[in-house]
Amino acid sequence: MITEIGIAAGDIWHYLDQRGSGTLDELAKTIKKDRSLLLMSLGWLAREGHISLGDAQTGFRATLTQR
């Protein structure tokens, strides 16, 4: 499962790098992975400080952080 989360996190990273930001719905539509897997991957990226993640009101909009 950790490998699947990591692969999905990479897919999310590439999506955000190309498009700037995205909601959970946009990510699910484009990446075509289970929403629960995407949420785990978003959590991982957020915990590591790689993304900023909004709340339910923003559709869990994610953006890459500046490093």
PDB file of N, CA and C in Angstrom:
ATOM      1  N   MET A   1       0.820  -1.199   0.000  1.00  0.00           N
ATOM      2  CA  MET A   1       0.000   0.000   0.000  1.00  0.00           C
ATOM      3  C   MET A   1       0.863   1.262   0.000  1.00  0.00           C
ATOM      4  N   ILE A   2       1.981   1.237   0.709  1.00  0.00           N
ATOM      5  CA  ILE A   2       2.866   2.404   0.751  1.00  0.00           C
ATOM      6  C   ILE A   2       3.355   2.751  -0.656  1.00  0.00           C
ATOM      7  N   THR A   3       3.658   1.729  -1.445  1.00  0.00           N
ATOM      8  CA  THR A   3       4.117   1.966  -2.808  1.00  0.00           C
ATOM      9  C   THR A   3       3.030   2.641  -3.631  1.00  0.00           C
ATOM     10  N   GLU A   4       1.787   2.180  -3.501  1.00  0.00           N
ATOM     11  CA  GLU A   4       0.668   2.781  -4.237  1.00  0.00           C
ATOM     12  C   GLU A   4       0.465   4.244  -3.840  1.00  0.00           C
ATOM     13  N   ILE A   5       0.588   4.525  -2.545  1.00  0.00           N
ATOM     14  CA  ILE A   5       0.460   5.903  -2.068  1.00  0.00           C
ATOM     15  C   ILE A   5       1.565   6.771  -2.659  1.00  0.00           C
ATOM     16  N   GLY A   6       2.775   6.247  -2.676  1.00  0.00           N
ATOM     17  CA  GLY A   6       3.907   6.990  -3.242  1.00  0.00           C
ATOM     18  C   GLY A   6       3.755   7.252  -4.727  1.00  0.00           C
ATOM     19  N   ILE A   7       3.263   6.270  -5.468  1.00  0.00           N
ATOM     20  CA  ILE A   7       3.050   6.447  -6.905  1.00  0.00           C
ATOM     21  C   ILE A   7       1.970   7.499  -7.152  1.00  0.00           C
ATOM     22  N   ALA A   8       0.886   7.415  -6.399  1.00  0.00           N
ATOM     23  CA  ALA A   8      -0.186   8.414  -6.528  1.00  0.00           C
ATOM     24  C   ALA A   8       0.319   9.801  -6.143  1.00  0.00           C
ATOM     25  N   ALA A   9       1.169   9.888  -5.124  1.00  0.00           N
ATOM     26  CA  ALA A   9       1.746  11.175  -4.723  1.00  0.00           C
ATOM     27  C   ALA A   9       2.577  11.758  -5.859  1.00  0.00           C
ATOM     28  N   GLY A  10       3.309  10.911  -6.549  1.00  0.00           N
ATOM     29  CA  GLY A  10       4.076  11.371  -7.710  1.00  0.00           C
ATOM     30  C   GLY A  10       3.175  11.865  -8.822  1.00  0.00           C
ATOM     31  N   ASP A  11       2.075  11.154  -9.058  1.00  0.00           N
ATOM     32  CA  ASP A  11       1.106  11.592 -10.067  1.00  0.00           C
ATOM     33  C   ASP A  11       0.515  12.947  -9.693  1.00  0.00           C
ATOM     34  N   ILE A  12       0.192  13.118  -8.418  1.00  0.00           N
ATOM     35  CA  ILE A  12      -0.339  14.396  -7.939  1.00  0.00           C
ATOM     36  C   ILE A  12       0.698  15.499  -8.126  1.00  0.00           C
ATOM     37  N   TRP A  13       1.934  15.216  -7.756  1.00  0.00           N
ATOM     38  CA  TRP A  13       3.022  16.194  -7.892  1.00  0.00           C
ATOM     39  C   TRP A  13       3.122  16.680  -9.340  1.00  0.00           C
ATOM     40  N   HIS A  14       3.133  15.753 -10.285  1.00  0.00           N
ATOM     41  CA  HIS A  14       3.251  16.120 -11.702  1.00  0.00           C
ATOM     42  C   HIS A  14       2.033  16.929 -12.166  1.00  0.00           C
ATOM     43  N   TYR A  15       0.855  16.544 -11.720  1.00  0.00           N
ATOM     44  CA  TYR A  15      -0.359  17.289 -12.059  1.00  0.00           C
ATOM     45  C   TYR A  15      -0.248  18.728 -11.568  1.00  0.00           C
ATOM     46  N   LEU A  16       0.130  18.898 -10.305  1.00  0.00           N
ATOM     47  CA  LEU A  16       0.225  20.244  -9.730  1.00  0.00           C
ATOM     48  C   LEU A  16       1.349  21.045 -10.364  1.00  0.00           C
ATOM     49  N   ASP A  17       2.440  20.394 -10.718  1.00  0.00           N
ATOM     50  CA  ASP A  17       3.555  21.079 -11.368  1.00  0.00           C
ATOM     51  C   ASP A  17       3.136  21.619 -12.731  1.00  0.00           C
ATOM     52  N   GLN A  18       2.290  20.879 -13.442  1.00  0.00           N
ATOM     53  CA  GLN A  18       1.835  21.305 -14.772  1.00  0.00           C
ATOM     54  C   GLN A  18       0.710  22.329 -14.703  1.00  0.00           C
ATOM     55  N   ARG A  19      -0.191  22.186 -13.713  1.00  0.00           N
ATOM     56  CA  ARG A  19      -1.402  23.008 -13.701  1.00  0.00           C
ATOM     57  C   ARG A  19      -1.445  24.063 -12.592  1.00  0.00           C
ATOM     58  N   GLY A  20      -0.548  23.987 -11.646  1.00  0.00           N
ATOM     59  CA  GLY A  20      -0.495  24.991 -10.580  1.00  0.00           C
ATOM     60  C   GLY A  20      -1.284  24.641  -9.341  1.00  0.00           C
ATOM     61  N   SER A  21      -2.504  24.146  -9.520  1.00  0.00           N
ATOM     62  CA  SER A  21      -3.313  23.734  -8.378  1.00  0.00           C
ATOM     63  C   SER A  21      -4.400  22.786  -8.874  1.00  0.00           C
ATOM     64  N   GLY A  22      -5.070  22.163  -7.929  1.00  0.00           N
ATOM     65  CA  GLY A  22      -6.158  21.271  -8.300  1.00  0.00           C
ATOM     66  C   GLY A  22      -6.958  20.850  -7.091  1.00  0.00           C
ATOM     67  N   THR A  23      -8.257  20.640  -7.307  1.00  0.00           N
ATOM     68  CA  THR A  23      -9.118  20.136  -6.242  1.00  0.00           C
ATOM     69  C   THR A  23      -9.084  18.608  -6.247  1.00  0.00           C
ATOM     70  N   LEU A  24      -9.612  18.030  -5.200  1.00  0.00           N
ATOM     71  CA  LEU A  24      -9.689  16.578  -5.133  1.00  0.00           C
ATOM     72  C   LEU A  24     -10.487  16.034  -6.312  1.00  0.00           C
ATOM     73  N   ASP A  25     -11.592  16.682  -6.664  1.00  0.00           N
ATOM     74  CA  ASP A  25     -12.403  16.222  -7.797  1.00  0.00           C
ATOM     75  C   ASP A  25     -11.616  16.281  -9.105  1.00  0.00           C
ATOM     76  N   GLU A  26     -10.870  17.356  -9.306  1.00  0.00           N
ATOM     77  CA  GLU A  26     -10.059  17.478 -10.525  1.00  0.00           C
ATOM     78  C   GLU A  26      -8.977  16.410 -10.564  1.00  0.00           C
ATOM     79  N   LEU A  27      -8.337  16.183  -9.435  1.00  0.00           N
ATOM     80  CA  LEU A  27      -7.294  15.156  -9.376  1.00  0.00           C
ATOM     81  C   LEU A  27      -7.869  13.778  -9.658  1.00  0.00           C
ATOM     82  N   ALA A  28      -9.009  13.466  -9.057  1.00  0.00           N
ATOM     83  CA  ALA A  28      -9.631  12.149  -9.236  1.00  0.00           C
ATOM     84  C   ALA A  28     -10.024  11.934 -10.691  1.00  0.00           C
ATOM     85  N   LYS A  29     -10.522  12.975 -11.333  1.00  0.00           N
ATOM     86  CA  LYS A  29     -10.946  12.860 -12.732  1.00  0.00           C
ATOM     87  C   LYS A  29      -9.754  12.622 -13.649  1.00  0.00           C
ATOM     88  N   THR A  30      -8.657  13.327 -13.403  1.00  0.00           N
ATOM     89  CA  THR A  30      -7.495  13.250 -14.275  1.00  0.00           C
ATOM     90  C   THR A  30      -6.603  12.049 -13.970  1.00  0.00           C
ATOM     91  N   ILE A  31      -6.326  11.824 -12.697  1.00  0.00           N
ATOM     92  CA  ILE A  31      -5.394  10.762 -12.306  1.00  0.00           C
ATOM     93  C   ILE A  31      -6.066   9.390 -12.329  1.00  0.00           C
ATOM     94  N   LYS A  32      -7.382   9.357 -12.167  1.00  0.00           N
ATOM     95  CA  LYS A  32      -8.156   8.112 -12.234  1.00  0.00           C
ATOM     96  C   LYS A  32      -7.684   7.060 -11.233  1.00  0.00           C
ATOM     97  N   LYS A  33      -7.550   7.504 -10.001  1.00  0.00           N
ATOM     98  CA  LYS A  33      -7.248   6.597  -8.895  1.00  0.00           C
ATOM     99  C   LYS A  33      -8.334   6.769  -7.847  1.00  0.00           C
ATOM    100  N   ASP A  34      -8.479   5.800  -6.986  1.00  0.00           N
ATOM    101  CA  ASP A  34      -9.478   5.841  -5.930  1.00  0.00           C
ATOM    102  C   ASP A  34      -9.282   7.092  -5.069  1.00  0.00           C
ATOM    103  N   ARG A  35     -10.401   7.739  -4.723  1.00  0.00           N
ATOM    104  CA  ARG A  35     -10.335   8.977  -3.931  1.00  0.00           C
ATOM    105  C   ARG A  35      -9.636   8.764  -2.587  1.00  0.00           C
ATOM    106  N   SER A  36      -9.862   7.620  -1.956  1.00  0.00           N
ATOM    107  CA  SER A  36      -9.213   7.377  -0.661  1.00  0.00           C
ATOM    108  C   SER A  36      -7.693   7.301  -0.828  1.00  0.00           C
ATOM    109  N   LEU A  37      -7.226   6.719  -1.923  1.00  0.00           N
ATOM    110  CA  LEU A  37      -5.791   6.670  -2.195  1.00  0.00           C
ATOM    111  C   LEU A  37      -5.254   8.075  -2.445  1.00  0.00           C
ATOM    112  N   LEU A  38      -6.006   8.881  -3.189  1.00  0.00           N
ATOM    113  CA  LEU A  38      -5.580  10.259  -3.434  1.00  0.00           C
ATOM    114  C   LEU A  38      -5.524  11.066  -2.145  1.00  0.00           C
ATOM    115  N   LEU A  39      -6.493  10.858  -1.259  1.00  0.00           N
ATOM    116  CA  LEU A  39      -6.481  11.569   0.019  1.00  0.00           C
ATOM    117  C   LEU A  39      -5.267  11.165   0.867  1.00  0.00           C
ATOM    118  N   MET A  40      -4.943   9.879   0.874  1.00  0.00           N
ATOM    119  CA  MET A  40      -3.748   9.442   1.611  1.00  0.00           C
ATOM    120  C   MET A  40      -2.493  10.073   1.024  1.00  0.00           C
ATOM    121  N   SER A  41      -2.422  10.133  -0.297  1.00  0.00           N
ATOM    122  CA  SER A  41      -1.261  10.713  -0.966  1.00  0.00           C
ATOM    123  C   SER A  41      -1.173  12.215  -0.720  1.00  0.00           C
ATOM    124  N   LEU A  42      -2.313  12.898  -0.752  1.00  0.00           N
ATOM    125  CA  LEU A  42      -2.327  14.326  -0.430  1.00  0.00           C
ATOM    126  C   LEU A  42      -1.871  14.570   0.998  1.00  0.00           C
ATOM    127  N   GLY A  43      -2.320  13.734   1.918  1.00  0.00           N
ATOM    128  CA  GLY A  43      -1.898  13.846   3.308  1.00  0.00           C
ATOM    129  C   GLY A  43      -0.403  13.670   3.458  1.00  0.00           C
ATOM    130  N   TRP A  44       0.140  12.714   2.744  1.00  0.00           N
ATOM    131  CA  TRP A  44       1.579  12.463   2.782  1.00  0.00           C
ATOM    132  C   TRP A  44       2.333  13.697   2.270  1.00  0.00           C
ATOM    133  N   LEU A  45       1.915  14.195   1.106  1.00  0.00           N
ATOM    134  CA  LEU A  45       2.581  15.372   0.541  1.00  0.00           C
ATOM    135  C   LEU A  45       2.458  16.588   1.456  1.00  0.00           C
ATOM    136  N   ALA A  46       1.294  16.761   2.072  1.00  0.00           N
ATOM    137  CA  ALA A  46       1.089  17.887   2.989  1.00  0.00           C
ATOM    138  C   ALA A  46       1.959  17.732   4.229  1.00  0.00           C
ATOM    139  N   ARG A  47       2.012  16.541   4.786  1.00  0.00           N
ATOM    140  CA  ARG A  47       2.801  16.285   5.994  1.00  0.00           C
ATOM    141  C   ARG A  47       4.281  16.548   5.750  1.00  0.00           C
ATOM    142  N   GLU A  48       4.740  16.222   4.546  1.00  0.00           N
ATOM    143  CA  GLU A  48       6.141  16.433   4.187  1.00  0.00           C
ATOM    144  C   GLU A  48       6.426  17.881   3.786  1.00  0.00           C
ATOM    145  N   GLY A  49       5.371  18.711   3.720  1.00  0.00           N
ATOM    146  CA  GLY A  49       5.555  20.119   3.396  1.00  0.00           C
ATOM    147  C   GLY A  49       5.692  20.409   1.912  1.00  0.00           C
ATOM    148  N   HIS A  50       5.319  19.447   1.064  1.00  0.00           N
ATOM    149  CA  HIS A  50       5.452  19.636  -0.377  1.00  0.00           C
ATOM    150  C   HIS A  50       4.265  20.364  -0.991  1.00  0.00           C
ATOM    151  N   ILE A  51       3.100  20.318  -0.312  1.00  0.00           N
ATOM    152  CA  ILE A  51       1.915  20.993  -0.827  1.00  0.00           C
ATOM    153  C   ILE A  51       1.213  21.748   0.285  1.00  0.00           C
ATOM    154  N   SER A  52       0.441  22.745  -0.132  1.00  0.00           N
ATOM    155  CA  SER A  52      -0.525  23.397   0.749  1.00  0.00           C
ATOM    156  C   SER A  52      -1.869  22.803   0.379  1.00  0.00           C
ATOM    157  N   LEU A  53      -2.670  22.488   1.385  1.00  0.00           N
ATOM    158  CA  LEU A  53      -3.931  21.801   1.140  1.00  0.00           C
ATOM    159  C   LEU A  53      -5.061  22.552   1.815  1.00  0.00           C
ATOM    160  N   GLY A  54      -6.087  22.891   1.037  1.00  0.00           N
ATOM    161  CA  GLY A  54      -7.254  23.575   1.566  1.00  0.00           C
ATOM    162  C   GLY A  54      -8.182  22.614   2.295  1.00  0.00           C
ATOM    163  N   ASP A  55      -9.305  23.143   2.740  1.00  0.00           N
ATOM    164  CA  ASP A  55     -10.272  22.327   3.473  1.00  0.00           C
ATOM    165  C   ASP A  55     -11.423  21.915   2.557  1.00  0.00           C
ATOM    166  N   ALA A  56     -12.464  21.334   3.142  1.00  0.00           N
ATOM    167  CA  ALA A  56     -13.606  20.853   2.359  1.00  0.00           C
ATOM    168  C   ALA A  56     -14.286  21.988   1.600  1.00  0.00           C
ATOM    169  N   GLN A  57     -14.294  23.186   2.156  1.00  0.00           N
ATOM    170  CA  GLN A  57     -14.929  24.328   1.481  1.00  0.00           C
ATOM    171  C   GLN A  57     -14.216  24.697   0.185  1.00  0.00           C
ATOM    172  N   THR A  58     -12.924  24.434   0.100  1.00  0.00           N
ATOM    173  CA  THR A  58     -12.165  24.735  -1.119  1.00  0.00           C
ATOM    174  C   THR A  58     -12.075  23.528  -2.035  1.00  0.00           C
ATOM    175  N   GLY A  59     -12.754  22.437  -1.674  1.00  0.00           N
ATOM    176  CA  GLY A  59     -12.659  21.219  -2.473  1.00  0.00           C
ATOM    177  C   GLY A  59     -11.319  20.535  -2.288  1.00  0.00           C
ATOM    178  N   PHE A  60     -10.691  20.790  -1.122  1.00  0.00           N
ATOM    179  CA  PHE A  60      -9.350  20.272  -0.824  1.00  0.00           C
ATOM    180  C   PHE A  60      -8.357  20.678  -1.921  1.00  0.00           C
ATOM    181  N   ARG A  61      -8.395  21.965  -2.303  1.00  0.00           N
ATOM    182  CA  ARG A  61      -7.498  22.460  -3.331  1.00  0.00           C
ATOM    183  C   ARG A  61      -6.058  22.350  -2.850  1.00  0.00           C
ATOM    184  N   ALA A  62      -5.223  21.767  -3.700  1.00  0.00           N
ATOM    185  CA  ALA A  62      -3.823  21.571  -3.382  1.00  0.00           C
ATOM    186  C   ALA A  62      -2.958  22.411  -4.318  1.00  0.00           C
ATOM    187  N   THR A  63      -1.879  22.963  -3.771  1.00  0.00           N
ATOM    188  CA  THR A  63      -0.887  23.691  -4.545  1.00  0.00           C
ATOM    189  C   THR A  63       0.496  23.298  -4.037  1.00  0.00           C
ATOM    190  N   LEU A  64       1.464  23.294  -4.927  1.00  0.00           N
ATOM    191  CA  LEU A  64       2.843  23.006  -4.515  1.00  0.00           C
ATOM    192  C   LEU A  64       3.350  24.165  -3.680  1.00  0.00           C
ATOM    193  N   THR A  65       4.131  23.856  -2.668  1.00  0.00           N
ATOM    194  CA  THR A  65       4.734  24.911  -1.854  1.00  0.00           C
ATOM    195  C   THR A  65       6.031  25.366  -2.509  1.00  0.00           C
ATOM    196  N   GLN A  66       6.405  26.580  -2.216  1.00  0.00           N
ATOM    197  CA  GLN A  66       7.655  27.125  -2.725  1.00  0.00           C
ATOM    198  C   GLN A  66       8.782  26.753  -1.777  1.00  0.00           C
ATOM    199  N   ARG A  67       9.814  26.207  -2.286  1.00  0.00           N
ATOM    200  CA  ARG A  67      10.966  25.838  -1.458  1.00  0.00           C
ATOM    201  C   ARG A  67      12.187  26.575  -1.892  1.00  0.00           C
TER     202      ARG A  67
END
